[in-house]
Amino acid sequence: MPPALVPLALVAIGVPAALRAALGWPRSLGAAWLLALTAVAIAQAAGELLGSRIGLLGDAQLLFASAGALLAAIGQSVAERSQSANVRADETR
């Protein structure tokens, strides 16, 4: 694995896990990790294309990656909550 990808992978794994440990969501950690990995890859590419130098660690766009992973984990949590609300609504009918 290229050295620049190691901190990005750690961010993608760590942010959803930290949210789950602190707040109890997202419940589906595997799906949150997959979304976070995708968001980190997109954030890395966007940072490279924009030529941003903010939040760099070597060649890794850590600031953008952290924001992307956080948005992915929050998005997964919102999706889980709306899905569980729909299931509860169907059970009461």
Foldseek 3Di string as FASTA:
>chain_A
DDPQCVVLLCLLLPQLVVCCVVPVDDVPSVQLSVQLSVQLVVQLVVCVVVVDPPCDDPSGNVVSSNVSSNVSRVVSNVVVVVVVVVVVVVVVD
